[in-house]
C-alpha atoms as a PDB file:
ATOM      1  CA  MET A   1      23.616-101.793  31.359  1.00  0.00           C
ATOM      2  CA  ILE A   2      23.418-104.654  28.877  1.00  0.00           C
ATOM      3  CA  VAL A   3      22.596-108.136  30.202  1.00  0.00           C
ATOM      4  CA  VAL A   4      23.999-111.071  28.228  1.00  0.00           C
ATOM      5  CA  THR A   5      22.476-114.491  28.931  1.00  0.00           C
ATOM      6  CA  GLY A   6      24.375-117.609  27.913  1.00  0.00           C
ATOM      7  CA  ALA A   7      27.550-115.580  28.509  1.00  0.00           C
ATOM      8  CA  ALA A   8      29.689-118.631  29.282  1.00  0.00           C
ATOM      9  CA  GLY A   9      29.220-120.022  25.771  1.00  0.00           C
ATOM     10  CA  ARG A  10      31.604-119.469  22.867  1.00  0.00           C
ATOM     11  CA  LEU A  11      29.365-116.818  21.305  1.00  0.00           C
ATOM     12  CA  GLY A  12      28.318-115.271  24.591  1.00  0.00           C
ATOM     13  CA  ARG A  13      31.941-114.649  25.534  1.00  0.00           C
ATOM     14  CA  ARG A  14      32.580-112.853  22.279  1.00  0.00           C
ATOM     15  CA  VAL A  15      29.503-110.671  22.662  1.00  0.00           C
ATOM     16  CA  VAL A  16      30.527-109.734  26.201  1.00  0.00           C
ATOM     17  CA  GLN A  17      34.009-108.747  25.037  1.00  0.00           C
ATOM     18  CA  LEU A  18      32.735-106.698  22.099  1.00  0.00           C
ATOM     19  CA  LEU A  19      30.387-104.772  24.383  1.00  0.00           C
ATOM     20  CA  LEU A  20      33.183-104.131  26.889  1.00  0.00           C
ATOM     21  CA  ASP A  21      35.421-102.959  24.051  1.00  0.00           C
ATOM     22  CA  GLN A  22      32.743-100.346  23.273  1.00  0.00           C
ATOM     23  CA  GLY A  23      32.884 -99.128  26.886  1.00  0.00           C
ATOM     24  CA  ARG A  24      29.493-100.525  27.805  1.00  0.00           C
ATOM     25  CA  GLU A  25      28.489-101.755  31.234  1.00  0.00           C
ATOM     26  CA  VAL A  26      27.768-105.484  31.004  1.00  0.00           C
ATOM     27  CA  LEU A  27      26.182-107.994  33.367  1.00  0.00           C
ATOM     28  CA  ALA A  28      26.953-111.533  32.196  1.00  0.00           C
ATOM     29  CA  THR A  29      24.827-114.487  33.286  1.00  0.00           C
ATOM     30  CA  ASP A  30      24.714-118.202  32.649  1.00  0.00           C
ATOM     31  CA  GLN A  31      23.534-121.383  34.301  1.00  0.00           C
ATOM     32  CA  LEU A  32      27.186-122.485  34.358  1.00  0.00           C
ATOM     33  CA  ALA A  33      29.882-120.865  36.460  1.00  0.00           C
ATOM     34  CA  ALA A  34      32.103-118.486  34.492  1.00  0.00           C
ATOM     35  CA  ASP A  35      34.423-116.723  36.896  1.00  0.00           C
ATOM     36  CA  ASP A  36      36.930-116.029  34.118  1.00  0.00           C
ATOM     37  CA  LEU A  37      34.638-113.627  32.254  1.00  0.00           C
ATOM     38  CA  PRO A  38      35.898-110.003  32.150  1.00  0.00           C
ATOM     39  CA  ALA A  39      32.484-108.613  33.144  1.00  0.00           C
ATOM     40  CA  ASP A  40      30.361-108.739  36.295  1.00  0.00           C
ATOM     41  CA  PHE A  41      28.832-112.216  36.410  1.00  0.00           C
ATOM     42  CA  VAL A  42      25.724-113.629  38.090  1.00  0.00           C
ATOM     43  CA  ARG A  43      24.827-117.317  37.905  1.00  0.00           C
ATOM     44  CA  CYS A  44      21.158-117.588  36.983  1.00  0.00           C
ATOM     45  CA  ASP A  45      18.641-120.249  36.067  1.00  0.00           C
ATOM     46  CA  LEU A  46      16.507-118.571  33.409  1.00  0.00           C
ATOM     47  CA  SER A  47      13.545-120.791  34.293  1.00  0.00           C
ATOM     48  CA  ASP A  48      13.408-118.942  37.631  1.00  0.00           C
ATOM     49  CA  THR A  49      11.116-115.968  37.036  1.00  0.00           C
ATOM     50  CA  GLY A  50      12.226-114.097  40.164  1.00  0.00           C
ATOM     51  CA  ALA A  51      15.907-114.514  39.305  1.00  0.00           C
ATOM     52  CA  VAL A  52      15.342-113.248  35.794  1.00  0.00           C
ATOM     53  CA  ASP A  53      13.425-110.238  37.110  1.00  0.00           C
ATOM     54  CA  GLU A  54      16.378-109.443  39.370  1.00  0.00           C
ATOM     55  CA  ILE A  55      19.109-109.557  36.746  1.00  0.00           C
ATOM     56  CA  LEU A  56      17.072-107.348  34.363  1.00  0.00           C
ATOM     57  CA  ARG A  57      15.997-104.865  37.024  1.00  0.00           C
ATOM     58  CA  ASN A  58      18.478-102.093  36.082  1.00  0.00           C
ATOM     59  CA  ALA A  59      19.130-103.125  32.478  1.00  0.00           C
ATOM     60  CA  GLU A  60      18.705-101.100  29.307  1.00  0.00           C
ATOM     61  CA  ALA A  61      18.656-104.134  26.994  1.00  0.00           C
ATOM     62  CA  VAL A  62      19.307-107.864  26.977  1.00  0.00           C
ATOM     63  CA  VAL A  63      21.085-110.139  24.534  1.00  0.00           C
ATOM     64  CA  HIS A  64      19.382-113.476  25.101  1.00  0.00           C
ATOM     65  CA  MET A  65      21.715-116.288  24.036  1.00  0.00           C
ATOM     66  CA  GLY A  66      21.037-118.723  26.866  1.00  0.00           C
ATOM     67  CA  ALA A  67      19.608-122.005  25.575  1.00  0.00           C
ATOM     68  CA  ILE A  68      20.370-125.665  24.992  1.00  0.00           C
ATOM     69  CA  PRO A  69      22.323-125.037  21.772  1.00  0.00           C
ATOM     70  CA  GLY A  70      21.252-127.632  19.275  1.00  0.00           C
ATOM     71  CA  PRO A  71      18.930-130.537  18.498  1.00  0.00           C
ATOM     72  CA  LEU A  72      21.256-133.282  19.740  1.00  0.00           C
ATOM     73  CA  ARG A  73      22.382-131.969  23.136  1.00  0.00           C
ATOM     74  CA  GLU A  74      19.495-133.286  25.260  1.00  0.00           C
ATOM     75  CA  ASP A  75      16.229-135.152  25.204  1.00  0.00           C
ATOM     76  CA  PRO A  76      13.921-133.403  22.690  1.00  0.00           C
ATOM     77  CA  ARG A  77      11.317-132.625  25.368  1.00  0.00           C
ATOM     78  CA  VAL A  78      13.966-131.115  27.610  1.00  0.00           C
ATOM     79  CA  ILE A  79      15.287-128.945  24.804  1.00  0.00           C
ATOM     80  CA  PHE A  80      11.863-127.583  23.895  1.00  0.00           C
ATOM     81  CA  GLN A  81      10.697-126.976  27.475  1.00  0.00           C
ATOM     82  CA  ASN A  82      13.992-125.336  28.551  1.00  0.00           C
ATOM     83  CA  ASN A  83      14.384-123.087  25.528  1.00  0.00           C
ATOM     84  CA  VAL A  84      10.792-121.904  25.343  1.00  0.00           C
ATOM     85  CA  ALA A  85      10.342-121.325  29.070  1.00  0.00           C
ATOM     86  CA  SER A  86      13.612-119.406  29.445  1.00  0.00           C
ATOM     87  CA  THR A  87      12.896-117.255  26.399  1.00  0.00           C
ATOM     88  CA  PHE A  88       9.393-116.472  27.662  1.00  0.00           C
ATOM     89  CA  ASN A  89      10.769-115.508  31.092  1.00  0.00           C
ATOM     90  CA  VAL A  90      13.465-113.242  29.653  1.00  0.00           C
ATOM     91  CA  MET A  91      11.196-111.494  27.172  1.00  0.00           C
ATOM     92  CA  MET A  92       8.291-111.028  29.573  1.00  0.00           C
ATOM     93  CA  SER A  93      10.571-109.644  32.232  1.00  0.00           C
ATOM     94  CA  ALA A  94      12.237-107.349  29.713  1.00  0.00           C
ATOM     95  CA  ALA A  95       8.868-105.898  28.743  1.00  0.00           C
ATOM     96  CA  GLU A  96       7.642-105.590  32.315  1.00  0.00           C
ATOM     97  CA  SER A  97      10.899-103.871  33.321  1.00  0.00           C
ATOM     98  CA  GLY A  98      10.680-101.466  30.409  1.00  0.00           C
ATOM     99  CA  LEU A  99      13.832-102.549  28.543  1.00  0.00           C
ATOM    100  CA  ARG A 100      14.097-100.888  25.179  1.00  0.00           C
ATOM    101  CA  ARG A 101      15.360-103.978  23.293  1.00  0.00           C
ATOM    102  CA  VAL A 102      15.772-107.728  23.330  1.00  0.00           C
ATOM    103  CA  VAL A 103      18.237-109.361  20.940  1.00  0.00           C
ATOM    104  CA  PHE A 104      17.290-113.024  20.593  1.00  0.00           C
ATOM    105  CA  SER A 105      19.621-115.765  19.366  1.00  0.00           C
ATOM    106  CA  SER A 106      17.307-117.669  17.053  1.00  0.00           C
ATOM    107  CA  SER A 107      18.561-120.231  14.545  1.00  0.00           C
ATOM    108  CA  ALA A 108      18.459-121.072  10.861  1.00  0.00           C
ATOM    109  CA  PHE A 109      17.689-124.605  12.053  1.00  0.00           C
ATOM    110  CA  GLY A 110      14.150-123.292  12.492  1.00  0.00           C
ATOM    111  CA  MET A 111      14.022-122.965   8.706  1.00  0.00           C
ATOM    112  CA  GLY A 112      14.331-126.711   8.239  1.00  0.00           C
ATOM    113  CA  TRP A 113      17.174-128.694   9.754  1.00  0.00           C
ATOM    114  CA  ALA A 114      16.356-132.417   9.827  1.00  0.00           C
ATOM    115  CA  HIS A 115      18.079-135.684  10.665  1.00  0.00           C
ATOM    116  CA  ASP A 116      17.095-136.826   7.165  1.00  0.00           C
ATOM    117  CA  GLY A 117      19.023-134.691   4.727  1.00  0.00           C
ATOM    118  CA  ASN A 118      16.343-135.118   2.062  1.00  0.00           C
ATOM    119  CA  ALA A 119      13.475-133.962   4.313  1.00  0.00           C
ATOM    120  CA  PHE A 120      13.630-130.198   3.849  1.00  0.00           C
ATOM    121  CA  VAL A 121      12.866-128.992   0.345  1.00  0.00           C
ATOM    122  CA  PRO A 122      12.826-125.189   0.303  1.00  0.00           C
ATOM    123  CA  LEU A 123      10.268-123.233  -1.687  1.00  0.00           C
ATOM    124  CA  TYR A 124      13.035-121.098  -3.184  1.00  0.00           C
ATOM    125  CA  LEU A 125      16.708-120.204  -2.750  1.00  0.00           C
ATOM    126  CA  PRO A 126      18.519-118.401  -1.394  1.00  0.00           C
ATOM    127  CA  LEU A 127      16.604-118.585   1.885  1.00  0.00           C
ATOM    128  CA  ASP A 128      15.548-115.223   3.244  1.00  0.00           C
ATOM    129  CA  GLU A 129      13.356-113.889   6.031  1.00  0.00           C
ATOM    130  CA  GLU A 130      10.204-114.193   3.941  1.00  0.00           C
ATOM    131  CA  HIS A 131      10.589-117.968   3.551  1.00  0.00           C
ATOM    132  CA  PRO A 132       8.369-119.743   6.105  1.00  0.00           C
ATOM    133  CA  MET A 133      10.051-121.377   9.060  1.00  0.00           C
ATOM    134  CA  MET A 134       9.538-125.148   8.681  1.00  0.00           C
ATOM    135  CA  PRO A 135      11.149-126.874  11.693  1.00  0.00           C
ATOM    136  CA  PHE A 136      11.382-130.643  11.718  1.00  0.00           C
ATOM    137  CA  GLU A 137      12.526-131.090  15.326  1.00  0.00           C
ATOM    138  CA  PRO A 138      12.043-129.557  18.776  1.00  0.00           C
ATOM    139  CA  TYR A 139      15.148-127.352  18.819  1.00  0.00           C
ATOM    140  CA  GLY A 140      14.147-125.552  15.633  1.00  0.00           C
ATOM    141  CA  LEU A 141      10.567-125.413  16.884  1.00  0.00           C
ATOM    142  CA  SER A 142      11.748-123.834  20.162  1.00  0.00           C
ATOM    143  CA  LYS A 143      13.400-121.061  18.140  1.00  0.00           C
ATOM    144  CA  GLN A 144      10.286-120.491  16.038  1.00  0.00           C
ATOM    145  CA  VAL A 145       8.187-120.251  19.208  1.00  0.00           C
ATOM    146  CA  GLY A 146      10.797-117.929  20.693  1.00  0.00           C
ATOM    147  CA  GLU A 147      10.379-115.641  17.726  1.00  0.00           C
ATOM    148  CA  ASP A 148       6.616-115.721  18.154  1.00  0.00           C
ATOM    149  CA  ILE A 149       7.062-114.724  21.786  1.00  0.00           C
ATOM    150  CA  GLY A 150       9.214-111.833  20.594  1.00  0.00           C
ATOM    151  CA  ARG A 151       6.535-110.683  18.173  1.00  0.00           C
ATOM    152  CA  MET A 152       3.960-110.777  20.917  1.00  0.00           C
ATOM    153  CA  ILE A 153       6.196-108.770  23.270  1.00  0.00           C
ATOM    154  CA  ALA A 154       6.932-106.175  20.571  1.00  0.00           C
ATOM    155  CA  ARG A 155       3.211-105.783  19.792  1.00  0.00           C
ATOM    156  CA  ASN A 156       2.228-105.489  23.409  1.00  0.00           C
ATOM    157  CA  SER A 157       4.945-103.295  24.936  1.00  0.00           C
ATOM    158  CA  ARG A 158       7.541-100.649  24.247  1.00  0.00           C
ATOM    159  CA  THR A 159      10.256-103.291  24.076  1.00  0.00           C
ATOM    160  CA  SER A 160      11.495-103.984  20.541  1.00  0.00           C
ATOM    161  CA  VAL A 161      12.837-107.427  19.642  1.00  0.00           C
ATOM    162  CA  VAL A 162      15.424-108.471  17.059  1.00  0.00           C
ATOM    163  CA  SER A 163      15.872-112.192  16.222  1.00  0.00           C
ATOM    164  CA  LEU A 164      19.024-113.462  14.558  1.00  0.00           C
ATOM    165  CA  ARG A 165      18.680-116.703  12.645  1.00  0.00           C
ATOM    166  CA  PHE A 166      22.302-117.743  12.308  1.00  0.00           C
ATOM    167  CA  THR A 167      23.272-121.091  10.919  1.00  0.00           C
ATOM    168  CA  ASN A 168      25.694-123.646  12.304  1.00  0.00           C
ATOM    169  CA  VAL A 169      28.743-121.867  13.791  1.00  0.00           C
ATOM    170  CA  ALA A 170      31.880-123.483  12.407  1.00  0.00           C
ATOM    171  CA  LEU A 171      34.979-123.048  14.546  1.00  0.00           C
ATOM    172  CA  PRO A 172      38.327-122.384  12.803  1.00  0.00           C
ATOM    173  CA  GLU A 173      39.353-126.051  13.047  1.00  0.00           C
ATOM    174  CA  VAL A 174      36.147-127.024  11.249  1.00  0.00           C
ATOM    175  CA  GLN A 175      36.607-124.374   8.559  1.00  0.00           C
ATOM    176  CA  ALA A 176      40.116-125.712   8.004  1.00  0.00           C
ATOM    177  CA  GLU A 177      38.471-128.931   6.738  1.00  0.00           C
ATOM    178  CA  PHE A 178      36.486-127.139   4.026  1.00  0.00           C
ATOM    179  CA  PRO A 179      35.593-127.792   1.279  1.00  0.00           C
ATOM    180  CA  TRP A 180      33.405-130.643   2.297  1.00  0.00           C
ATOM    181  CA  PRO A 181      32.385-133.331  -0.228  1.00  0.00           C
ATOM    182  CA  ALA A 182      29.437-132.078  -2.269  1.00  0.00           C
ATOM    183  CA  PRO A 183      26.010-133.302  -1.119  1.00  0.00           C
ATOM    184  CA  THR A 184      24.164-135.700  -3.409  1.00  0.00           C
ATOM    185  CA  PRO A 185      20.687-137.273  -3.283  1.00  0.00           C
ATOM    186  CA  GLU A 186      22.398-140.502  -2.171  1.00  0.00           C
ATOM    187  CA  ASN A 187      24.543-138.755   0.473  1.00  0.00           C
ATOM    188  CA  PRO A 188      22.530-135.679   1.381  1.00  0.00           C
ATOM    189  CA  LEU A 189      23.293-132.933   3.824  1.00  0.00           C
ATOM    190  CA  THR A 190      20.423-130.889   5.254  1.00  0.00           C
ATOM    191  CA  LEU A 191      20.267-127.675   3.233  1.00  0.00           C
ATOM    192  CA  VAL A 192      20.855-125.236   6.114  1.00  0.00           C
ATOM    193  CA  MET A 193      24.146-127.074   6.775  1.00  0.00           C
ATOM    194  CA  TRP A 194      25.363-126.130   3.296  1.00  0.00           C
ATOM    195  CA  ALA A 195      25.819-122.708   4.864  1.00  0.00           C
ATOM    196  CA  TYR A 196      27.887-121.865   7.902  1.00  0.00           C
ATOM    197  CA  ALA A 197      28.557-118.958  10.255  1.00  0.00           C
ATOM    198  CA  ASP A 198      31.752-117.547  11.754  1.00  0.00           C
ATOM    199  CA  ALA A 199      31.594-116.797  15.494  1.00  0.00           C
ATOM    200  CA  ARG A 200      33.243-113.407  15.068  1.00  0.00           C
ATOM    201  CA  ASP A 201      30.664-112.168  12.585  1.00  0.00           C
ATOM    202  CA  VAL A 202      27.740-113.690  14.516  1.00  0.00           C
ATOM    203  CA  ALA A 203      28.869-111.894  17.689  1.00  0.00           C
ATOM    204  CA  GLU A 204      29.153-108.618  15.817  1.00  0.00           C
ATOM    205  CA  ALA A 205      25.603-109.023  14.471  1.00  0.00           C
ATOM    206  CA  HIS A 206      24.303-109.350  18.033  1.00  0.00           C
ATOM    207  CA  VAL A 207      26.031-106.145  19.098  1.00  0.00           C
ATOM    208  CA  LEU A 208      24.832-104.239  16.045  1.00  0.00           C
ATOM    209  CA  ALA A 209      21.268-105.440  16.687  1.00  0.00           C
ATOM    210  CA  LEU A 210      21.236-103.682  20.041  1.00  0.00           C
ATOM    211  CA  ASP A 211      21.218-100.235  18.472  1.00  0.00           C
ATOM    212  CA  ALA A 212      19.806-100.769  14.976  1.00  0.00           C
ATOM    213  CA  ASP A 213      16.887 -98.560  13.994  1.00  0.00           C
ATOM    214  CA  ILE A 214      14.183-101.223  14.406  1.00  0.00           C
ATOM    215  CA  GLU A 215      10.581-100.631  15.403  1.00  0.00           C
ATOM    216  CA  GLU A 216       8.750-103.453  17.137  1.00  0.00           C
ATOM    217  CA  TYR A 217      10.071-106.703  15.643  1.00  0.00           C
ATOM    218  CA  GLU A 218      12.465-107.871  12.927  1.00  0.00           C
ATOM    219  CA  ALA A 219      14.191-111.177  12.138  1.00  0.00           C
ATOM    220  CA  PHE A 220      17.459-111.523  10.231  1.00  0.00           C
ATOM    221  CA  MET A 221      19.287-114.390   8.556  1.00  0.00           C
ATOM    222  CA  ILE A 222      22.978-114.565   9.405  1.00  0.00           C
ATOM    223  CA  ALA A 223      25.578-116.645   7.522  1.00  0.00           C
ATOM    224  CA  GLN A 224      28.897-116.330   5.735  1.00  0.00           C
ATOM    225  CA  PRO A 225      28.907-115.324   2.040  1.00  0.00           C
ATOM    226  CA  SER A 226      29.845-118.706   0.595  1.00  0.00           C
ATOM    227  CA  SER A 227      28.978-122.370   1.001  1.00  0.00           C
ATOM    228  CA  ARG A 228      31.130-125.160   2.474  1.00  0.00           C
ATOM    229  CA  PHE A 229      31.729-126.578  -1.010  1.00  0.00           C
ATOM    230  CA  LYS A 230      33.887-125.889  -4.077  1.00  0.00           C
ATOM    231  CA  GLU A 231      31.141-126.699  -6.571  1.00  0.00           C
ATOM    232  CA  PRO A 232      28.851-123.897  -7.903  1.00  0.00           C
ATOM    233  CA  THR A 233      25.777-123.575  -5.689  1.00  0.00           C
ATOM    234  CA  ILE A 234      23.246-123.602  -8.531  1.00  0.00           C
ATOM    235  CA  ASP A 235      24.707-126.883  -9.825  1.00  0.00           C
ATOM    236  CA  LEU A 236      24.341-128.407  -6.353  1.00  0.00           C
ATOM    237  CA  VAL A 237      20.760-127.173  -6.036  1.00  0.00           C
ATOM    238  CA  LYS A 238      19.802-128.665  -9.390  1.00  0.00           C
ATOM    239  CA  SER A 239      21.553-131.978  -8.779  1.00  0.00           C
ATOM    240  CA  ASN A 240      19.948-132.388  -5.336  1.00  0.00           C
ATOM    241  CA  PHE A 241      16.513-130.885  -5.893  1.00  0.00           C
ATOM    242  CA  GLY A 242      15.948-130.912  -9.646  1.00  0.00           C
ATOM    243  CA  ASP A 243      13.249-128.468 -10.624  1.00  0.00           C
ATOM    244  CA  ARG A 244      11.456-128.583  -7.277  1.00  0.00           C
ATOM    245  CA  VAL A 245      13.149-125.398  -6.007  1.00  0.00           C
ATOM    246  CA  GLU A 246      12.812-121.943  -7.499  1.00  0.00           C
ATOM    247  CA  ILE A 247      16.236-120.338  -7.997  1.00  0.00           C
ATOM    248  CA  ARG A 248      16.315-116.578  -7.380  1.00  0.00           C
ATOM    249  CA  GLU A 249      19.056-113.991  -7.708  1.00  0.00           C
ATOM    250  CA  GLY A 250      22.017-114.304  -5.365  1.00  0.00           C
ATOM    251  CA  LEU A 251      23.340-117.805  -6.015  1.00  0.00           C
ATOM    252  CA  LYS A 252      26.241-117.002  -8.329  1.00  0.00           C
ATOM    253  CA  GLY A 253      29.406-119.024  -7.940  1.00  0.00           C
ATOM    254  CA  THR A 254      29.724-120.694  -4.553  1.00  0.00           C
ATOM    255  CA  ALA A 255      27.313-118.298  -2.845  1.00  0.00           C
ATOM    256  CA  SER A 256      25.613-119.386   0.359  1.00  0.00           C
ATOM    257  CA  VAL A 257      22.062-120.715   0.190  1.00  0.00           C
ATOM    258  CA  ILE A 258      21.218-118.120   2.868  1.00  0.00           C
ATOM    259  CA  SER A 259      20.736-114.493   1.915  1.00  0.00           C
ATOM    260  CA  THR A 260      21.976-111.885   4.404  1.00  0.00           C
ATOM    261  CA  GLU A 261      20.950-108.865   2.360  1.00  0.00           C
ATOM    262  CA  LYS A 262      18.432-107.703   4.948  1.00  0.00           C
ATOM    263  CA  ALA A 263      20.950-107.857   7.811  1.00  0.00           C
ATOM    264  CA  GLN A 264      23.477-105.930   5.783  1.00  0.00           C
ATOM    265  CA  ARG A 265      20.883-103.297   4.861  1.00  0.00           C
ATOM    266  CA  LEU A 266      19.121-102.802   8.211  1.00  0.00           C
ATOM    267  CA  LEU A 267      21.754-103.750  10.758  1.00  0.00           C
ATOM    268  CA  GLY A 268      24.777-102.410   8.884  1.00  0.00           C
ATOM    269  CA  TRP A 269      26.288-105.868   9.242  1.00  0.00           C
ATOM    270  CA  THR A 270      29.077-107.032   6.938  1.00  0.00           C
ATOM    271  CA  PRO A 271      30.318-110.642   7.044  1.00  0.00           C
ATOM    272  CA  ARG A 272      34.099-110.263   7.183  1.00  0.00           C
ATOM    273  CA  HIS A 273      35.285-113.856   7.305  1.00  0.00           C
ATOM    274  CA  ASP A 274      35.191-116.647   4.731  1.00  0.00           C
ATOM    275  CA  TRP A 275      37.000-119.991   4.762  1.00  0.00           C
ATOM    276  CA  ARG A 276      38.395-119.329   1.306  1.00  0.00           C
END
């Protein structure tokens, strides 16, 4: 049985359906009621250790998507406390119950989303998993801490953990508005928002991560192949950052500032959707 937390959300619903399409047994859970889900559903507060232990009791693996989903949805202290405590409970219970894998919905916002579009200057582009996480706010920090919890669990148990750092999920109506105006130093847009993710591909990455040949812990960047803009990416990098950012291979044309090479190589993931 696969447990999916945050199953009432737009991504959680897609993950549940993909798993059911594969013929898997699924237990969906969320803090919100979701009686319309096609899987067995249990309402659960992930801050309740006993309740988490119960929903994971007979599970094989868990896809942990339950969280306050973004830096602007709640008071910063509430976001951090909720996301970190729930992730700790899920991962600890998974290890204690002997689950073979946790798939954790992390975020590219942990790489450096900021209210000030000029705040995050990357060391190099495209961003990959070797670039340090540099959160500027509590939501991104909660995801970085969640990944550290996952590393600890993987070191200290037989439960392996896969973290997926996907960027802002743009719904079809948002993609229909692309291309966006190009960012400039005067009208900046935080770098990780230059990239975007499609819900269908993000959901598929979560399902693939359940069975990928991973030992202990791995993190993966997830984004669509191109940026939100019509201008060449290298031109935008140079006009916004000058010579402060090292440009590496992978930024030809309108390529995304996020590299997904590792996810494609180790997860067998292929981004299938692009606004163009």
